[in-house]
Amino acid sequence: MPALCRDCLRVFEQDRTACPCGSRRLVRHEELLRLTVAHVDCDAFYASIEKRDRPELLTRPVIVGGMKRGVGAACCYVAPPRGGRSAMPMFQALRACPDAVVIPPDMAKYAAEGRRIRALMEALTPLVQPLSIDEAVMDLAGTEALHGAPPAVVLARFAQRVEREVGVTVSIGLAPNRLLAKIAAERDKPRGFAVIGAAEAAALLAPEPVTLLPGVGPVLARRLAAAGVTRLGQLQALSEKEALARFGEDGHSLVARARGEDPRPVRPERETKSVSAETTFETDLRDVADLERPLWRMCEKLARRLKEKDLAAGGVVLKLKTASFTLRTRHARLAVPTRLPETLFAAARPLLAKEADGTAFRLIGIGAQPLAPAAEADRGDLADPDAPKRAARWAAVEALRAKFGENAVMRGRGLQLR
């Protein structure tokens, strides 16, 4: 069985517990030198960046997040054993881990470091598909001659380079397809390198809960449980006809994924399905005037994100979360696509007015749906000939802010916020 030393990058066939160099960081697998699809996930990315920049926090639990009532965006690997975890409400994370150091997120810094890592990936293969700021899938098929080594060795070398040049660690999953690569990457964190081969996939997945599959959330899990299905092996045993009868159109895909099958190729360009912005309040808000202020700020943020992605909003989605964590969403279609905050706000404002009935809200957000090409936005027509002028004003405001800071130019509504 081939083995790879993740420290000296030596490949050897001997069945031994350590590399001749002395390292025990070995990866062994029958298909190790034949697999090409890799899922790369940075370990506790935001917190790792902060620890890199503040070495005094190296042994301290760190939570990157917003306000006390917000959500912890990322926890370092010191924090989870003490009770903290990513995506946990901040008050719960602090209750579980009271000695944690809480650091406000610096998204610009994280995005810059994410781009550095992405560039290192793209130097290995053109088939890199970003999944988030700190996660991507890549296919190194056909690159062995270019790099003088099989993909497994190239990936181990890449992990070393990220640690050396960026100062964070990554976990890698190597497999024959995207689904198995993602599952593998989650099996050996942090600083991991796990392999799942095609021959073993079905047997390895069979005893696992159905929630192991990406996309099987609480709602679908409850639906499957009601049908007596809680393990992937139970899905694997279904024929295509049985799967269709019991789970409808989703049945075939569920059974295929339960067996480790995934036909999706790695696509360098990922289609953006949604763009949004949201914020959690320090204290619950009830009055429409109080809610309009953060709504305006989110409209400005959404407009900026649409510009960054070269997209426009064909409609808006208002998102509200009550004090009891009940989610409300309301939709409105726009006559003409836009990426101007005032147009987004004008569409969302009446939706908010209908919901502001005295209910206490803890979160507000706005999203663009459906999305449209940027070229279709704010072009002006007989019904709204001034749209291009408003677009030019907003572009000028953003240019001044980029040069002199966020507070350089503010609308009256923005002054109220600050």
Protein backbone atom coordinates (compact mmCIF):
# COMPACT_ATOMS: atom_id res chain seq x y z
CA MET A 1 0.00 0.00 0.00
CA PRO A 2 1.50 3.38 -0.96
CA ALA A 3 2.27 5.82 1.82
CA LEU A 4 3.06 9.54 1.69
CA CYS A 5 5.04 11.42 4.31
CA ARG A 6 3.46 14.84 4.77
CA ASP A 7 6.70 16.30 6.11
CA CYS A 8 9.43 15.19 3.66
CA LEU A 9 6.95 14.35 0.83
CA ARG A 10 8.51 10.94 0.28
CA VAL A 11 6.33 8.21 -1.26
CA PHE A 12 7.15 4.62 -0.31
CA GLU A 13 5.53 1.20 -0.31
CA GLN A 14 6.74 -0.21 2.99
CA ASP A 15 4.16 -0.92 5.66
CA ARG A 16 5.74 1.02 8.48
CA THR A 17 4.56 3.37 11.22
CA ALA A 18 7.05 6.12 10.45
CA CYS A 19 8.83 7.60 7.45
CA PRO A 20 12.59 7.07 7.10
CA CYS A 21 12.86 10.78 7.96
CA GLY A 22 11.31 10.01 11.36
CA SER A 23 7.94 11.63 10.77
CA ARG A 24 4.74 9.81 11.67
CA ARG A 25 2.53 12.14 9.64
CA LEU A 26 1.78 9.53 7.01
CA VAL A 27 -1.12 9.11 4.60
CA ARG A 28 -1.78 5.56 3.43
CA HIS A 29 -4.34 4.36 0.93
CA GLU A 30 -4.58 1.88 -1.94
CA GLU A 31 -5.83 4.62 -4.30
CA LEU A 32 -3.60 7.38 -2.92
CA LEU A 33 -1.62 7.96 -6.12
CA ARG A 34 -4.62 7.71 -8.48
CA LEU A 35 -7.13 10.15 -6.96
CA THR A 36 -7.31 13.74 -8.25
CA VAL A 37 -10.26 15.60 -6.66
CA ALA A 38 -9.44 17.51 -3.49
CA HIS A 39 -11.51 19.54 -1.04
CA VAL A 40 -9.42 22.17 0.74
CA ASP A 41 -10.75 23.78 3.91
CA CYS A 42 -8.82 26.27 6.01
CA ASP A 43 -8.84 25.42 9.71
CA ALA A 44 -10.76 27.96 11.84
CA PHE A 45 -9.74 30.51 9.23
CA TYR A 46 -10.78 33.81 10.81
CA ALA A 47 -9.50 32.85 14.26
CA SER A 48 -6.28 31.44 12.80
CA ILE A 49 -5.59 34.71 10.98
CA GLU A 50 -6.11 36.65 14.21
CA LYS A 51 -3.81 34.31 16.15
CA ARG A 52 -1.18 34.63 13.45
CA ASP A 53 -1.28 38.41 13.82
CA ARG A 54 -1.45 38.31 17.63
CA PRO A 55 0.89 35.54 18.84
CA GLU A 56 0.01 36.26 22.47
CA LEU A 57 -3.36 34.64 21.77
CA LEU A 58 -1.83 31.39 20.51
CA THR A 59 -2.93 29.30 23.51
CA ARG A 60 -6.08 31.30 24.28
CA PRO A 61 -9.59 30.41 23.10
CA VAL A 62 -10.54 32.92 20.40
CA ILE A 63 -13.98 33.66 19.00
CA VAL A 64 -14.33 35.95 16.00
CA GLY A 65 -17.73 37.55 16.00
CA GLY A 66 -19.82 40.62 16.43
CA MET A 67 -21.92 41.86 19.26
CA LYS A 68 -22.95 39.97 22.37
CA ARG A 69 -26.23 39.06 20.66
CA GLY A 70 -24.62 38.21 17.34
CA VAL A 71 -23.23 34.94 16.06
CA GLY A 72 -19.69 33.69 16.54
CA ALA A 73 -18.42 33.56 12.96
CA ALA A 74 -15.46 31.37 13.82
CA CYS A 75 -13.90 29.67 16.82
CA CYS A 76 -10.34 28.46 17.04
CA TYR A 77 -9.61 24.83 17.85
CA VAL A 78 -8.82 25.73 21.46
CA ALA A 79 -12.37 27.02 21.96
CA PRO A 80 -14.55 24.04 20.84
CA PRO A 81 -13.35 21.60 23.55
CA ARG A 82 -14.32 24.27 26.07
CA GLY A 83 -17.79 24.65 24.59
CA GLY A 84 -17.45 27.28 21.88
CA ARG A 85 -18.20 26.55 18.25
CA SER A 86 -18.73 28.42 15.01
CA ALA A 87 -22.22 29.72 14.19
CA MET A 88 -23.23 29.60 17.86
CA PRO A 89 -25.05 32.68 19.22
CA MET A 90 -22.44 34.82 20.91
CA PHE A 91 -24.08 34.79 24.33
CA GLN A 92 -24.11 30.99 24.29
CA ALA A 93 -20.48 30.80 23.16
CA LEU A 94 -19.39 33.16 25.95
CA ARG A 95 -21.43 31.25 28.51
CA ALA A 96 -19.75 28.00 27.44
CA CYS A 97 -16.32 29.58 27.10
CA PRO A 98 -16.23 32.67 29.38
CA ASP A 99 -12.46 33.13 29.12
CA ALA A 100 -12.56 33.41 25.31
CA VAL A 101 -11.06 36.44 23.62
CA VAL A 102 -13.70 37.96 21.34
CA ILE A 103 -12.36 39.77 18.28
CA PRO A 104 -14.55 41.77 15.86
CA PRO A 105 -14.29 40.36 12.33
CA ASP A 106 -12.04 42.06 9.78
CA MET A 107 -13.56 40.77 6.56
CA ALA A 108 -11.27 42.77 4.29
CA LYS A 109 -8.22 41.10 5.87
CA TYR A 110 -9.76 37.63 5.67
CA ALA A 111 -10.75 38.15 2.03
CA ALA A 112 -7.20 39.23 1.16
CA GLU A 113 -5.70 36.14 2.81
CA GLY A 114 -8.31 33.96 1.12
CA ARG A 115 -7.24 35.36 -2.24
CA ARG A 116 -3.61 34.55 -1.46
CA ILE A 117 -4.51 30.93 -0.79
CA ARG A 118 -6.71 30.80 -3.88
CA ALA A 119 -3.78 32.00 -5.99
CA LEU A 120 -1.64 29.15 -4.66
CA MET A 121 -4.37 26.71 -5.70
CA GLU A 122 -4.71 28.20 -9.16
CA ALA A 123 -0.96 27.79 -9.66
CA LEU A 124 -1.53 24.02 -9.40
CA THR A 125 -4.56 23.59 -11.68
CA PRO A 126 -7.04 25.76 -13.59
CA LEU A 127 -9.86 23.62 -12.16
CA VAL A 128 -10.39 25.44 -8.86
CA GLN A 129 -13.97 26.07 -7.73
CA PRO A 130 -14.33 28.46 -4.78
CA LEU A 131 -16.99 27.46 -2.26
CA SER A 132 -16.45 30.23 0.29
CA ILE A 133 -13.77 32.65 1.43
CA ASP A 134 -11.76 29.80 3.01
CA GLU A 135 -12.88 26.69 1.14
CA ALA A 136 -12.56 25.35 -2.40
CA VAL A 137 -12.57 22.17 -4.43
CA MET A 138 -9.95 21.44 -7.07
CA ASP A 139 -9.25 18.76 -9.67
CA LEU A 140 -5.60 17.98 -10.44
CA ALA A 141 -6.28 15.43 -13.18
CA GLY A 142 -3.66 15.66 -15.91
CA THR A 143 -1.21 17.76 -13.87
CA GLU A 144 1.25 15.03 -12.85
CA ALA A 145 3.65 15.71 -15.72
CA LEU A 146 3.53 19.45 -15.04
CA HIS A 147 4.38 19.10 -11.34
CA GLY A 148 6.53 15.99 -11.54
CA ALA A 149 4.47 14.31 -8.83
CA PRO A 150 1.02 12.75 -8.32
CA PRO A 151 -1.78 14.98 -6.95
CA ALA A 152 -1.42 13.64 -3.39
CA VAL A 153 2.19 14.84 -3.20
CA VAL A 154 1.31 18.18 -4.81
CA LEU A 155 -1.44 18.72 -2.24
CA ALA A 156 0.85 17.92 0.70
CA ARG A 157 3.39 20.38 -0.72
CA PHE A 158 0.61 22.97 -1.11
CA ALA A 159 -0.41 22.56 2.55
CA GLN A 160 3.18 23.16 3.64
CA ARG A 161 3.38 26.28 1.49
CA VAL A 162 0.16 27.72 2.94
CA GLU A 163 1.50 27.22 6.46
CA ARG A 164 4.83 28.78 5.56
CA GLU A 165 3.64 31.75 3.49
CA VAL A 166 0.19 32.55 4.88
CA GLY A 167 0.58 31.30 8.43
CA VAL A 168 -2.59 29.18 8.68
CA THR A 169 -3.27 25.48 8.29
CA VAL A 170 -5.56 23.62 5.91
CA SER A 171 -7.31 20.27 5.96
CA ILE A 172 -7.46 18.29 2.73
CA GLY A 173 -9.81 15.57 1.56
CA LEU A 174 -8.72 13.54 -1.48
CA ALA A 175 -11.25 11.37 -3.31
CA PRO A 176 -12.66 10.42 -6.73
CA ASN A 177 -15.44 13.06 -6.57
CA ARG A 178 -16.51 16.26 -4.86
CA LEU A 179 -18.89 14.72 -2.34
CA LEU A 180 -16.38 12.20 -0.99
CA ALA A 181 -13.61 14.81 -0.98
CA LYS A 182 -15.69 17.09 1.24
CA ILE A 183 -16.57 14.26 3.61
CA ALA A 184 -12.89 13.26 3.76
CA ALA A 185 -11.79 16.82 4.58
CA GLU A 186 -14.09 16.83 7.62
CA ARG A 187 -12.69 13.55 8.98
CA ASP A 188 -9.22 14.74 9.94
CA LYS A 189 -9.31 18.30 11.24
CA PRO A 190 -7.30 20.37 11.91
CA ARG A 191 -4.22 20.14 9.71
CA GLY A 192 -5.56 16.93 8.25
CA PHE A 193 -5.19 14.89 5.09
CA ALA A 194 -7.79 12.17 4.63
CA VAL A 195 -8.47 9.90 1.66
CA ILE A 196 -11.66 8.10 0.62
CA GLY A 197 -11.47 5.77 -2.38
CA ALA A 198 -14.23 4.71 -4.73
CA ALA A 199 -14.05 1.03 -3.75
CA GLU A 200 -14.64 1.67 -0.05
CA ALA A 201 -17.10 4.56 -0.27
CA ALA A 202 -20.42 2.73 0.10
CA ALA A 203 -19.25 0.54 3.00
CA LEU A 204 -17.64 3.48 4.77
CA LEU A 205 -20.78 5.63 4.48
CA ALA A 206 -23.34 2.94 5.33
CA PRO A 207 -23.28 3.30 9.16
CA GLU A 208 -23.21 7.11 9.07
CA PRO A 209 -26.29 9.25 9.84
CA VAL A 210 -28.12 10.75 6.87
CA THR A 211 -27.13 14.22 8.11
CA LEU A 212 -23.57 13.50 6.99
CA LEU A 213 -24.65 14.33 3.44
CA PRO A 214 -24.35 18.01 2.54
CA GLY A 215 -27.82 19.40 1.99
CA VAL A 216 -29.56 17.04 4.43
CA GLY A 217 -30.60 19.53 7.08
CA PRO A 218 -33.02 19.17 10.00
CA VAL A 219 -36.17 19.37 7.86
CA LEU A 220 -35.12 16.66 5.40
CA ALA A 221 -33.64 14.56 8.21
CA ARG A 222 -37.00 14.60 10.01
CA ARG A 223 -38.76 13.64 6.79
CA LEU A 224 -36.38 10.70 6.28
CA ALA A 225 -36.71 9.65 9.92
CA ALA A 226 -40.50 9.63 9.57
CA ALA A 227 -40.00 7.14 6.75
CA GLY A 228 -37.77 5.01 8.97
CA VAL A 229 -34.49 6.11 7.37
CA THR A 230 -31.76 7.45 9.69
CA ARG A 231 -28.58 5.82 8.27
CA LEU A 232 -27.04 6.08 4.83
CA GLY A 233 -26.99 2.30 4.53
CA GLN A 234 -30.78 2.32 4.59
CA LEU A 235 -30.81 4.70 1.64
CA GLN A 236 -28.22 2.61 -0.20
CA ALA A 237 -30.50 -0.44 0.01
CA LEU A 238 -33.35 1.26 -1.87
CA SER A 239 -33.92 0.56 -5.53
CA GLU A 240 -34.47 3.49 -7.86
CA LYS A 241 -38.19 2.66 -8.00
CA GLU A 242 -38.49 2.54 -4.20
CA ALA A 243 -36.56 5.79 -3.81
CA LEU A 244 -38.85 7.54 -6.29
CA ALA A 245 -42.00 6.21 -4.61
CA ARG A 246 -40.89 7.18 -1.09
CA PHE A 247 -39.04 10.45 -1.64
CA GLY A 248 -40.19 11.72 -5.02
CA GLU A 249 -37.77 13.40 -7.43
CA ASP A 250 -35.14 13.75 -4.71
CA GLY A 251 -35.04 10.02 -4.13
CA HIS A 252 -32.61 9.09 -6.90
CA SER A 253 -30.10 11.78 -5.88
CA LEU A 254 -30.33 10.83 -2.21
CA VAL A 255 -29.62 7.16 -2.90
CA ALA A 256 -26.74 7.97 -5.27
CA ARG A 257 -25.09 10.31 -2.76
CA ALA A 258 -25.62 7.80 0.05
CA ARG A 259 -23.49 5.41 -2.02
CA GLY A 260 -20.80 8.06 -2.50
CA GLU A 261 -21.69 8.86 -6.11
CA ASP A 262 -21.38 12.42 -7.35
CA PRO A 263 -21.21 13.33 -11.06
CA ARG A 264 -20.63 17.06 -10.54
CA PRO A 265 -17.49 18.36 -12.27
CA VAL A 266 -15.22 20.95 -10.71
CA ARG A 267 -16.18 24.26 -12.34
CA PRO A 268 -13.79 27.21 -12.00
CA GLU A 269 -16.69 29.68 -12.15
CA ARG A 270 -19.35 29.15 -9.53
CA GLU A 271 -22.73 30.70 -10.21
CA THR A 272 -23.74 33.17 -7.52
CA LYS A 273 -27.23 32.24 -6.37
CA SER A 274 -27.81 34.98 -3.81
CA VAL A 275 -26.30 38.16 -2.41
CA SER A 276 -27.42 39.53 0.93
CA ALA A 277 -26.51 41.48 4.06
CA GLU A 278 -27.86 41.24 7.58
CA THR A 279 -27.19 42.43 11.13
CA THR A 280 -28.16 41.39 14.66
CA PHE A 281 -29.20 44.13 17.09
CA GLU A 282 -27.74 44.74 20.53
CA THR A 283 -31.30 44.97 21.87
CA ASP A 284 -34.60 43.98 20.27
CA LEU A 285 -36.25 46.63 18.08
CA ARG A 286 -39.99 47.13 17.56
CA ASP A 287 -40.64 50.56 16.00
CA VAL A 288 -40.55 50.89 12.25
CA ALA A 289 -38.38 54.03 12.48
CA ASP A 290 -35.80 52.18 14.59
CA LEU A 291 -35.83 49.26 12.16
CA GLU A 292 -35.46 51.47 9.08
CA ARG A 293 -32.06 52.74 10.21
CA PRO A 294 -30.27 49.37 10.15
CA LEU A 295 -32.25 48.45 7.03
CA TRP A 296 -30.70 51.43 5.23
CA ARG A 297 -27.23 50.39 6.34
CA MET A 298 -27.85 46.86 5.03
CA CYS A 299 -29.09 48.30 1.71
CA GLU A 300 -25.81 50.18 1.34
CA LYS A 301 -23.87 47.02 2.15
CA LEU A 302 -25.95 44.96 -0.31
CA ALA A 303 -25.41 47.54 -3.05
CA ARG A 304 -21.67 47.34 -2.47
CA ARG A 305 -21.68 43.55 -2.62
CA LEU A 306 -23.69 43.56 -5.83
CA LYS A 307 -21.11 45.85 -7.38
CA GLU A 308 -18.25 43.61 -6.24
CA LYS A 309 -19.92 40.61 -7.89
CA ASP A 310 -20.91 42.55 -11.03
CA LEU A 311 -24.57 41.75 -10.42
CA ALA A 312 -27.85 43.58 -9.87
CA ALA A 313 -31.04 42.90 -7.92
CA GLY A 314 -34.16 41.98 -9.86
CA GLY A 315 -36.07 41.93 -6.58
CA VAL A 316 -35.52 42.17 -2.84
CA VAL A 317 -36.04 39.76 0.05
CA LEU A 318 -36.58 41.26 3.49
CA LYS A 319 -35.45 39.01 6.34
CA LEU A 320 -36.55 39.52 9.95
CA LYS A 321 -35.92 37.30 12.97
CA THR A 322 -38.09 37.75 16.01
CA ALA A 323 -36.92 37.72 19.62
CA SER A 324 -38.17 34.12 19.79
CA PHE A 325 -35.99 33.25 16.73
CA THR A 326 -38.94 32.91 14.35
CA LEU A 327 -37.85 33.83 10.82
CA ARG A 328 -39.96 36.00 8.52
CA THR A 329 -39.13 36.65 4.87
CA ARG A 330 -41.01 38.92 2.49
CA HIS A 331 -40.39 39.40 -1.24
CA ALA A 332 -40.87 42.24 -3.73
CA ARG A 333 -40.05 42.25 -7.45
CA LEU A 334 -38.47 45.37 -8.98
CA ALA A 335 -39.68 46.86 -12.24
CA VAL A 336 -36.06 47.34 -13.34
CA PRO A 337 -32.90 45.69 -11.90
CA THR A 338 -30.86 47.88 -9.57
CA ARG A 339 -27.80 48.01 -7.38
CA LEU A 340 -28.56 51.38 -5.80
CA PRO A 341 -29.17 51.41 -2.03
CA GLU A 342 -31.99 53.96 -2.25
CA THR A 343 -33.90 51.80 -4.75
CA LEU A 344 -33.36 48.69 -2.64
CA PHE A 345 -34.52 50.60 0.44
CA ALA A 346 -37.61 51.96 -1.34
CA ALA A 347 -38.63 48.41 -2.26
CA ALA A 348 -37.97 46.94 1.19
CA ARG A 349 -39.46 49.78 3.24
CA PRO A 350 -43.15 48.95 2.64
CA LEU A 351 -42.42 45.27 3.36
CA LEU A 352 -40.94 46.31 6.70
CA ALA A 353 -43.87 48.60 7.49
CA LYS A 354 -46.28 45.66 7.20
CA GLU A 355 -44.20 43.53 9.58
CA ALA A 356 -43.50 46.23 12.18
CA ASP A 357 -46.67 45.47 14.15
CA GLY A 358 -45.15 45.72 17.61
CA THR A 359 -43.24 42.46 17.32
CA ALA A 360 -39.77 42.54 18.85
CA PHE A 361 -37.06 41.75 16.27
CA ARG A 362 -33.45 40.76 16.92
CA LEU A 363 -32.18 40.67 13.31
CA ILE A 364 -32.84 42.35 9.99
CA GLY A 365 -31.43 41.57 6.57
CA ILE A 366 -31.99 42.22 2.89
CA GLY A 367 -31.11 40.08 -0.09
CA ALA A 368 -31.18 40.36 -3.87
CA GLN A 369 -33.44 37.85 -5.60
CA PRO A 370 -33.57 37.16 -8.45
CA LEU A 371 -30.15 38.29 -9.57
CA ALA A 372 -29.60 40.08 -12.87
CA PRO A 373 -26.54 41.14 -14.91
CA ALA A 374 -25.04 44.45 -13.84
CA ALA A 375 -25.46 45.81 -17.39
CA GLU A 376 -29.25 45.75 -16.92
CA ALA A 377 -29.21 47.88 -13.78
CA ASP A 378 -30.31 51.51 -13.43
CA ARG A 379 -30.21 52.32 -17.15
CA GLY A 380 -33.20 54.65 -17.01
CA ASP A 381 -36.37 54.68 -19.09
CA LEU A 382 -39.41 56.86 -19.63
CA ALA A 383 -40.77 55.94 -16.22
CA ASP A 384 -37.49 56.73 -14.44
CA PRO A 385 -35.18 58.87 -16.60
CA ASP A 386 -33.03 59.95 -13.60
CA ALA A 387 -31.79 56.46 -12.73
CA PRO A 388 -28.41 56.90 -14.48
CA LYS A 389 -27.82 60.16 -12.55
CA ARG A 390 -28.52 58.42 -9.24
CA ALA A 391 -26.16 55.63 -10.24
CA ALA A 392 -23.45 58.18 -11.02
CA ARG A 393 -23.96 59.87 -7.63
CA TRP A 394 -23.70 56.58 -5.79
CA ALA A 395 -20.52 55.68 -7.70
CA ALA A 396 -19.03 59.06 -6.72
CA VAL A 397 -19.94 58.50 -3.06
CA GLU A 398 -18.31 55.07 -3.08
CA ALA A 399 -15.18 56.45 -4.72
CA LEU A 400 -14.84 59.11 -2.03
CA ARG A 401 -15.39 56.56 0.72
CA ALA A 402 -12.77 54.26 -0.76
CA LYS A 403 -10.26 57.12 -0.73
CA PHE A 404 -11.10 58.94 2.50
CA GLY A 405 -12.96 56.42 4.65
CA GLU A 406 -16.50 55.23 5.27
CA ASN A 407 -17.51 58.47 7.05
CA ALA A 408 -16.30 60.78 4.27
CA VAL A 409 -19.78 61.06 2.71
CA MET A 410 -22.99 60.13 4.49
CA ARG A 411 -26.68 60.44 3.79
CA GLY A 412 -28.90 61.98 6.46
CA ARG A 413 -30.26 58.54 7.27
CA GLY A 414 -26.68 57.36 7.69
CA LEU A 415 -25.96 60.14 10.17
CA GLN A 416 -28.80 58.91 12.32
CA LEU A 417 -27.23 55.48 12.36
CA ARG A 418 -23.91 56.82 13.62
